[in-house]
Amino acid sequence: MALETANTEAKKLGKNFRNSPDVENFYRFIHENDLRKEAKLIFEKLHAQIKMQDKKAKRSRRKKKTLQ
């Protein structure tokens, strides 16, 4: 029973990530402590890293296809 509720809750979180209580508390913390600039810098760096990893993964998939 608990596993089923966890699965349905995880599906809901995927669709409504911004409405998650944890995310709302995080945004509230950033706003209350005036950390918007710092948070933006952190998110930009994370986004750049994720984007770079995705590019590397695409390149490796292309190389595997051409080698076969």
PDB file of N, CA and C in Angstrom:
ATOM      1  N   MET A   1       0.822  -1.190   0.000  1.00  0.00           N
ATOM      2  CA  MET A   1       0.000   0.000   0.000  1.00  0.00           C
ATOM      3  C   MET A   1       0.868   1.256   0.000  1.00  0.00           C
ATOM      4  N   ALA A   2       1.883   1.289   0.843  1.00  0.00           N
ATOM      5  CA  ALA A   2       2.752   2.461   0.912  1.00  0.00           C
ATOM      6  C   ALA A   2       3.546   2.621  -0.382  1.00  0.00           C
ATOM      7  N   LEU A   3       3.908   1.487  -0.991  1.00  0.00           N
ATOM      8  CA  LEU A   3       4.654   1.536  -2.246  1.00  0.00           C
ATOM      9  C   LEU A   3       3.802   2.133  -3.359  1.00  0.00           C
ATOM     10  N   GLU A   4       2.521   1.769  -3.383  1.00  0.00           N
ATOM     11  CA  GLU A   4       1.623   2.305  -4.406  1.00  0.00           C
ATOM     12  C   GLU A   4       1.470   3.813  -4.266  1.00  0.00           C
ATOM     13  N   THR A   5       1.308   4.277  -3.028  1.00  0.00           N
ATOM     14  CA  THR A   5       1.150   5.719  -2.827  1.00  0.00           C
ATOM     15  C   THR A   5       2.437   6.455  -3.171  1.00  0.00           C
ATOM     16  N   ALA A   6       3.574   5.832  -2.909  1.00  0.00           N
ATOM     17  CA  ALA A   6       4.850   6.459  -3.249  1.00  0.00           C
ATOM     18  C   ALA A   6       4.996   6.578  -4.766  1.00  0.00           C
ATOM     19  N   ASN A   7       4.561   5.539  -5.491  1.00  0.00           N
ATOM     20  CA  ASN A   7       4.649   5.577  -6.950  1.00  0.00           C
ATOM     21  C   ASN A   7       3.739   6.643  -7.540  1.00  0.00           C
ATOM     22  N   THR A   8       2.517   6.722  -7.048  1.00  0.00           N
ATOM     23  CA  THR A   8       1.599   7.735  -7.571  1.00  0.00           C
ATOM     24  C   THR A   8       2.070   9.132  -7.197  1.00  0.00           C
ATOM     25  N   GLU A   9       2.644   9.258  -6.014  1.00  0.00           N
ATOM     26  CA  GLU A   9       3.169  10.556  -5.589  1.00  0.00           C
ATOM     27  C   GLU A   9       4.354  10.963  -6.458  1.00  0.00           C
ATOM     28  N   ALA A  10       5.189  10.009  -6.821  1.00  0.00           N
ATOM     29  CA  ALA A  10       6.341  10.304  -7.678  1.00  0.00           C
ATOM     30  C   ALA A  10       5.880  10.737  -9.067  1.00  0.00           C
ATOM     31  N   LYS A  11       4.826  10.109  -9.583  1.00  0.00           N
ATOM     32  CA  LYS A  11       4.298  10.505 -10.887  1.00  0.00           C
ATOM     33  C   LYS A  11       3.752  11.921 -10.841  1.00  0.00           C
ATOM     34  N   LYS A  12       3.072  12.255  -9.758  1.00  0.00           N
ATOM     35  CA  LYS A  12       2.526  13.600  -9.617  1.00  0.00           C
ATOM     36  C   LYS A  12       3.645  14.623  -9.520  1.00  0.00           C
ATOM     37  N   LEU A  13       4.723  14.277  -8.821  1.00  0.00           N
ATOM     38  CA  LEU A  13       5.845  15.196  -8.673  1.00  0.00           C
ATOM     39  C   LEU A  13       6.512  15.471 -10.011  1.00  0.00           C
ATOM     40  N   GLY A  14       6.574  14.471 -10.859  1.00  0.00           N
ATOM     41  CA  GLY A  14       7.171  14.676 -12.168  1.00  0.00           C
ATOM     42  C   GLY A  14       6.407  15.692 -12.983  1.00  0.00           C
ATOM     43  N   LYS A  15       5.099  15.673 -12.855  1.00  0.00           N
ATOM     44  CA  LYS A  15       4.268  16.597 -13.618  1.00  0.00           C
ATOM     45  C   LYS A  15       4.174  17.958 -12.947  1.00  0.00           C
ATOM     46  N   ASN A  16       4.100  17.976 -11.629  1.00  0.00           N
ATOM     47  CA  ASN A  16       3.910  19.220 -10.887  1.00  0.00           C
ATOM     48  C   ASN A  16       5.105  19.500  -9.989  1.00  0.00           C
ATOM     49  N   PHE A  17       6.265  19.500 -10.563  1.00  0.00           N
ATOM     50  CA  PHE A  17       7.483  19.646  -9.771  1.00  0.00           C
ATOM     51  C   PHE A  17       7.500  20.950  -8.994  1.00  0.00           C
ATOM     52  N   ARG A  18       7.071  22.024  -9.610  1.00  0.00           N
ATOM     53  CA  ARG A  18       7.119  23.328  -8.946  1.00  0.00           C
ATOM     54  C   ARG A  18       6.105  23.444  -7.823  1.00  0.00           C
ATOM     55  N   ASN A  19       5.097  22.605  -7.825  1.00  0.00           N
ATOM     56  CA  ASN A  19       4.088  22.654  -6.773  1.00  0.00           C
ATOM     57  C   ASN A  19       4.443  21.779  -5.580  1.00  0.00           C
ATOM     58  N   SER A  20       5.579  21.146  -5.628  1.00  0.00           N
ATOM     59  CA  SER A  20       6.040  20.315  -4.526  1.00  0.00           C
ATOM     60  C   SER A  20       6.294  21.189  -3.299  1.00  0.00           C
ATOM     61  N   PRO A  21       5.910  20.728  -2.113  1.00  0.00           N
ATOM     62  CA  PRO A  21       6.146  21.525  -0.898  1.00  0.00           C
ATOM     63  C   PRO A  21       7.624  21.831  -0.664  1.00  0.00           C
ATOM     64  N   ASP A  22       8.492  20.887  -0.982  1.00  0.00           N
ATOM     65  CA  ASP A  22       9.927  21.123  -0.800  1.00  0.00           C
ATOM     66  C   ASP A  22      10.431  22.231  -1.718  1.00  0.00           C
ATOM     67  N   VAL A  23       9.968  22.220  -2.943  1.00  0.00           N
ATOM     68  CA  VAL A  23      10.401  23.241  -3.896  1.00  0.00           C
ATOM     69  C   VAL A  23       9.846  24.600  -3.495  1.00  0.00           C
ATOM     70  N   GLU A  24       8.604  24.622  -3.058  1.00  0.00           N
ATOM     71  CA  GLU A  24       8.016  25.884  -2.603  1.00  0.00           C
ATOM     72  C   GLU A  24       8.790  26.448  -1.414  1.00  0.00           C
ATOM     73  N   ASN A  25       9.160  25.576  -0.481  1.00  0.00           N
ATOM     74  CA  ASN A  25       9.956  26.025   0.672  1.00  0.00           C
ATOM     75  C   ASN A  25      11.327  26.534   0.234  1.00  0.00           C
ATOM     76  N   PHE A  26      11.906  25.881  -0.755  1.00  0.00           N
ATOM     77  CA  PHE A  26      13.199  26.316  -1.277  1.00  0.00           C
ATOM     78  C   PHE A  26      13.094  27.705  -1.894  1.00  0.00           C
ATOM     79  N   TYR A  27      12.084  27.909  -2.734  1.00  0.00           N
ATOM     80  CA  TYR A  27      11.881  29.234  -3.335  1.00  0.00           C
ATOM     81  C   TYR A  27      11.618  30.292  -2.273  1.00  0.00           C
ATOM     82  N   ARG A  28      10.852  29.937  -1.262  1.00  0.00           N
ATOM     83  CA  ARG A  28      10.559  30.882  -0.180  1.00  0.00           C
ATOM     84  C   ARG A  28      11.842  31.253   0.563  1.00  0.00           C
ATOM     85  N   PHE A  29      12.688  30.269   0.818  1.00  0.00           N
ATOM     86  CA  PHE A  29      13.965  30.511   1.494  1.00  0.00           C
ATOM     87  C   PHE A  29      14.832  31.474   0.678  1.00  0.00           C
ATOM     88  N   ILE A  30      14.898  31.235  -0.619  1.00  0.00           N
ATOM     89  CA  ILE A  30      15.690  32.108  -1.488  1.00  0.00           C
ATOM     90  C   ILE A  30      15.149  33.528  -1.452  1.00  0.00           C
ATOM     91  N   HIS A  31      13.834  33.659  -1.527  1.00  0.00           N
ATOM     92  CA  HIS A  31      13.229  34.992  -1.534  1.00  0.00           C
ATOM     93  C   HIS A  31      13.421  35.712  -0.198  1.00  0.00           C
ATOM     94  N   GLU A  32      13.188  35.012   0.902  1.00  0.00           N
ATOM     95  CA  GLU A  32      13.275  35.639   2.223  1.00  0.00           C
ATOM     96  C   GLU A  32      14.696  36.076   2.563  1.00  0.00           C
ATOM     97  N   ASN A  33      15.677  35.352   2.059  1.00  0.00           N
ATOM     98  CA  ASN A  33      17.072  35.669   2.372  1.00  0.00           C
ATOM     99  C   ASN A  33      17.769  36.449   1.262  1.00  0.00           C
ATOM    100  N   ASP A  34      16.989  36.896   0.290  1.00  0.00           N
ATOM    101  CA  ASP A  34      17.503  37.714  -0.807  1.00  0.00           C
ATOM    102  C   ASP A  34      18.704  37.049  -1.492  1.00  0.00           C
ATOM    103  N   LEU A  35      18.502  35.810  -1.909  1.00  0.00           N
ATOM    104  CA  LEU A  35      19.569  35.034  -2.550  1.00  0.00           C
ATOM    105  C   LEU A  35      19.281  34.775  -4.027  1.00  0.00           C
ATOM    106  N   ARG A  36      18.517  35.642  -4.657  1.00  0.00           N
ATOM    107  CA  ARG A  36      18.107  35.402  -6.040  1.00  0.00           C
ATOM    108  C   ARG A  36      19.293  35.374  -7.003  1.00  0.00           C
ATOM    109  N   LYS A  37      20.224  36.288  -6.860  1.00  0.00           N
ATOM    110  CA  LYS A  37      21.374  36.328  -7.772  1.00  0.00           C
ATOM    111  C   LYS A  37      22.231  35.077  -7.623  1.00  0.00           C
ATOM    112  N   GLU A  38      22.463  34.689  -6.378  1.00  0.00           N
ATOM    113  CA  GLU A  38      23.285  33.507  -6.124  1.00  0.00           C
ATOM    114  C   GLU A  38      22.603  32.246  -6.644  1.00  0.00           C
ATOM    115  N   ALA A  39      21.304  32.149  -6.419  1.00  0.00           N
ATOM    116  CA  ALA A  39      20.560  30.986  -6.891  1.00  0.00           C
ATOM    117  C   ALA A  39      20.584  30.921  -8.414  1.00  0.00           C
ATOM    118  N   LYS A  40      20.459  32.064  -9.067  1.00  0.00           N
ATOM    119  CA  LYS A  40      20.497  32.093 -10.530  1.00  0.00           C
ATOM    120  C   LYS A  40      21.839  31.601 -11.045  1.00  0.00           C
ATOM    121  N   LEU A  41      22.924  32.042 -10.431  1.00  0.00           N
ATOM    122  CA  LEU A  41      24.253  31.592 -10.851  1.00  0.00           C
ATOM    123  C   LEU A  41      24.405  30.085 -10.692  1.00  0.00           C
ATOM    124  N   ILE A  42      23.924  29.570  -9.577  1.00  0.00           N
ATOM    125  CA  ILE A  42      24.017  28.127  -9.329  1.00  0.00           C
ATOM    126  C   ILE A  42      23.218  27.351 -10.361  1.00  0.00           C
ATOM    127  N   PHE A  43      21.989  27.793 -10.630  1.00  0.00           N
ATOM    128  CA  PHE A  43      21.151  27.100 -11.606  1.00  0.00           C
ATOM    129  C   PHE A  43      21.738  27.181 -13.013  1.00  0.00           C
ATOM    130  N   GLU A  44      22.342  28.294 -13.361  1.00  0.00           N
ATOM    131  CA  GLU A  44      22.971  28.413 -14.675  1.00  0.00           C
ATOM    132  C   GLU A  44      24.139  27.451 -14.815  1.00  0.00           C
ATOM    133  N   LYS A  45      24.940  27.313 -13.768  1.00  0.00           N
ATOM    134  CA  LYS A  45      26.068  26.377 -13.825  1.00  0.00           C
ATOM    135  C   LYS A  45      25.583  24.930 -13.900  1.00  0.00           C
ATOM    136  N   LEU A  46      24.547  24.610 -13.130  1.00  0.00           N
ATOM    137  CA  LEU A  46      23.985  23.260 -13.192  1.00  0.00           C
ATOM    138  C   LEU A  46      23.437  22.968 -14.580  1.00  0.00           C
ATOM    139  N   HIS A  47      22.735  23.920 -15.141  1.00  0.00           N
ATOM    140  CA  HIS A  47      22.166  23.746 -16.472  1.00  0.00           C
ATOM    141  C   HIS A  47      23.272  23.519 -17.504  1.00  0.00           C
ATOM    142  N   ALA A  48      24.348  24.285 -17.413  1.00  0.00           N
ATOM    143  CA  ALA A  48      25.465  24.139 -18.346  1.00  0.00           C
ATOM    144  C   ALA A  48      26.106  22.761 -18.222  1.00  0.00           C
ATOM    145  N   GLN A  49      26.264  22.272 -17.000  1.00  0.00           N
ATOM    146  CA  GLN A  49      26.856  20.943 -16.802  1.00  0.00           C
ATOM    147  C   GLN A  49      25.960  19.858 -17.369  1.00  0.00           C
ATOM    148  N   ILE A  50      24.678  19.952 -17.118  1.00  0.00           N
ATOM    149  CA  ILE A  50      23.742  18.951 -17.627  1.00  0.00           C
ATOM    150  C   ILE A  50      23.733  18.967 -19.149  1.00  0.00           C
ATOM    151  N   LYS A  51      23.753  20.153 -19.720  1.00  0.00           N
ATOM    152  CA  LYS A  51      23.765  20.286 -21.170  1.00  0.00           C
ATOM    153  C   LYS A  51      25.022  19.659 -21.759  1.00  0.00           C
ATOM    154  N   MET A  52      26.174  19.871 -21.106  1.00  0.00           N
ATOM    155  CA  MET A  52      27.428  19.305 -21.575  1.00  0.00           C
ATOM    156  C   MET A  52      27.394  17.779 -21.497  1.00  0.00           C
ATOM    157  N   GLN A  53      26.842  17.241 -20.435  1.00  0.00           N
ATOM    158  CA  GLN A  53      26.748  15.793 -20.296  1.00  0.00           C
ATOM    159  C   GLN A  53      25.841  15.204 -21.366  1.00  0.00           C
ATOM    160  N   ASP A  54      24.751  15.898 -21.681  1.00  0.00           N
ATOM    161  CA  ASP A  54      23.860  15.429 -22.731  1.00  0.00           C
ATOM    162  C   ASP A  54      24.563  15.412 -24.081  1.00  0.00           C
ATOM    163  N   LYS A  55      25.367  16.430 -24.359  1.00  0.00           N
ATOM    164  CA  LYS A  55      26.109  16.467 -25.614  1.00  0.00           C
ATOM    165  C   LYS A  55      27.082  15.300 -25.700  1.00  0.00           C
ATOM    166  N   LYS A  56      27.779  15.030 -24.594  1.00  0.00           N
ATOM    167  CA  LYS A  56      28.733  13.920 -24.580  1.00  0.00           C
ATOM    168  C   LYS A  56      28.018  12.596 -24.803  1.00  0.00           C
ATOM    169  N   ALA A  57      26.862  12.438 -24.204  1.00  0.00           N
ATOM    170  CA  ALA A  57      26.105  11.201 -24.366  1.00  0.00           C
ATOM    171  C   ALA A  57      25.651  11.040 -25.816  1.00  0.00           C
ATOM    172  N   LYS A  58      25.219  12.122 -26.440  1.00  0.00           N
ATOM    173  CA  LYS A  58      24.800  12.054 -27.842  1.00  0.00           C
ATOM    174  C   LYS A  58      25.973  11.696 -28.743  1.00  0.00           C
ATOM    175  N   ARG A  59      27.133  12.284 -28.473  1.00  0.00           N
ATOM    176  CA  ARG A  59      28.320  11.988 -29.273  1.00  0.00           C
ATOM    177  C   ARG A  59      28.707  10.523 -29.157  1.00  0.00           C
ATOM    178  N   SER A  60      28.658  10.002 -27.938  1.00  0.00           N
ATOM    179  CA  SER A  60      29.051   8.606 -27.748  1.00  0.00           C
ATOM    180  C   SER A  60      28.055   7.675 -28.425  1.00  0.00           C
ATOM    181  N   ARG A  61      26.778   8.041 -28.436  1.00  0.00           N
ATOM    182  CA  ARG A  61      25.782   7.221 -29.131  1.00  0.00           C
ATOM    183  C   ARG A  61      26.026   7.246 -30.635  1.00  0.00           C
ATOM    184  N   ARG A  62      26.392   8.400 -31.167  1.00  0.00           N
ATOM    185  CA  ARG A  62      26.677   8.498 -32.600  1.00  0.00           C
ATOM    186  C   ARG A  62      27.885   7.652 -32.966  1.00  0.00           C
ATOM    187  N   LYS A  63      28.921   7.702 -32.131  1.00  0.00           N
ATOM    188  CA  LYS A  63      30.125   6.925 -32.409  1.00  0.00           C
ATOM    189  C   LYS A  63      29.824   5.437 -32.394  1.00  0.00           C
ATOM    190  N   LYS A  64      28.983   5.010 -31.465  1.00  0.00           N
ATOM    191  CA  LYS A  64      28.637   3.594 -31.394  1.00  0.00           C
ATOM    192  C   LYS A  64      27.879   3.168 -32.641  1.00  0.00           C
ATOM    193  N   LYS A  65      26.989   4.020 -33.134  1.00  0.00           N
ATOM    194  CA  LYS A  65      26.214   3.682 -34.328  1.00  0.00           C
ATOM    195  C   LYS A  65      27.112   3.601 -35.557  1.00  0.00           C
ATOM    196  N   THR A  66      28.067   4.506 -35.681  1.00  0.00           N
ATOM    197  CA  THR A  66      28.939   4.504 -36.854  1.00  0.00           C
ATOM    198  C   THR A  66      29.918   3.338 -36.815  1.00  0.00           C
ATOM    199  N   LEU A  67      30.290   2.896 -35.640  1.00  0.00           N
ATOM    200  CA  LEU A  67      31.214   1.772 -35.528  1.00  0.00           C
ATOM    201  C   LEU A  67      30.533   0.454 -35.859  1.00  0.00           C
ATOM    202  N   GLN A  68      29.266   0.363 -35.659  1.00  0.00           N
ATOM    203  CA  GLN A  68      28.554  -0.894 -35.922  1.00  0.00           C
ATOM    204  C   GLN A  68      28.305  -1.004 -37.367  1.00  0.00           C
TER     205      GLN A  68
END
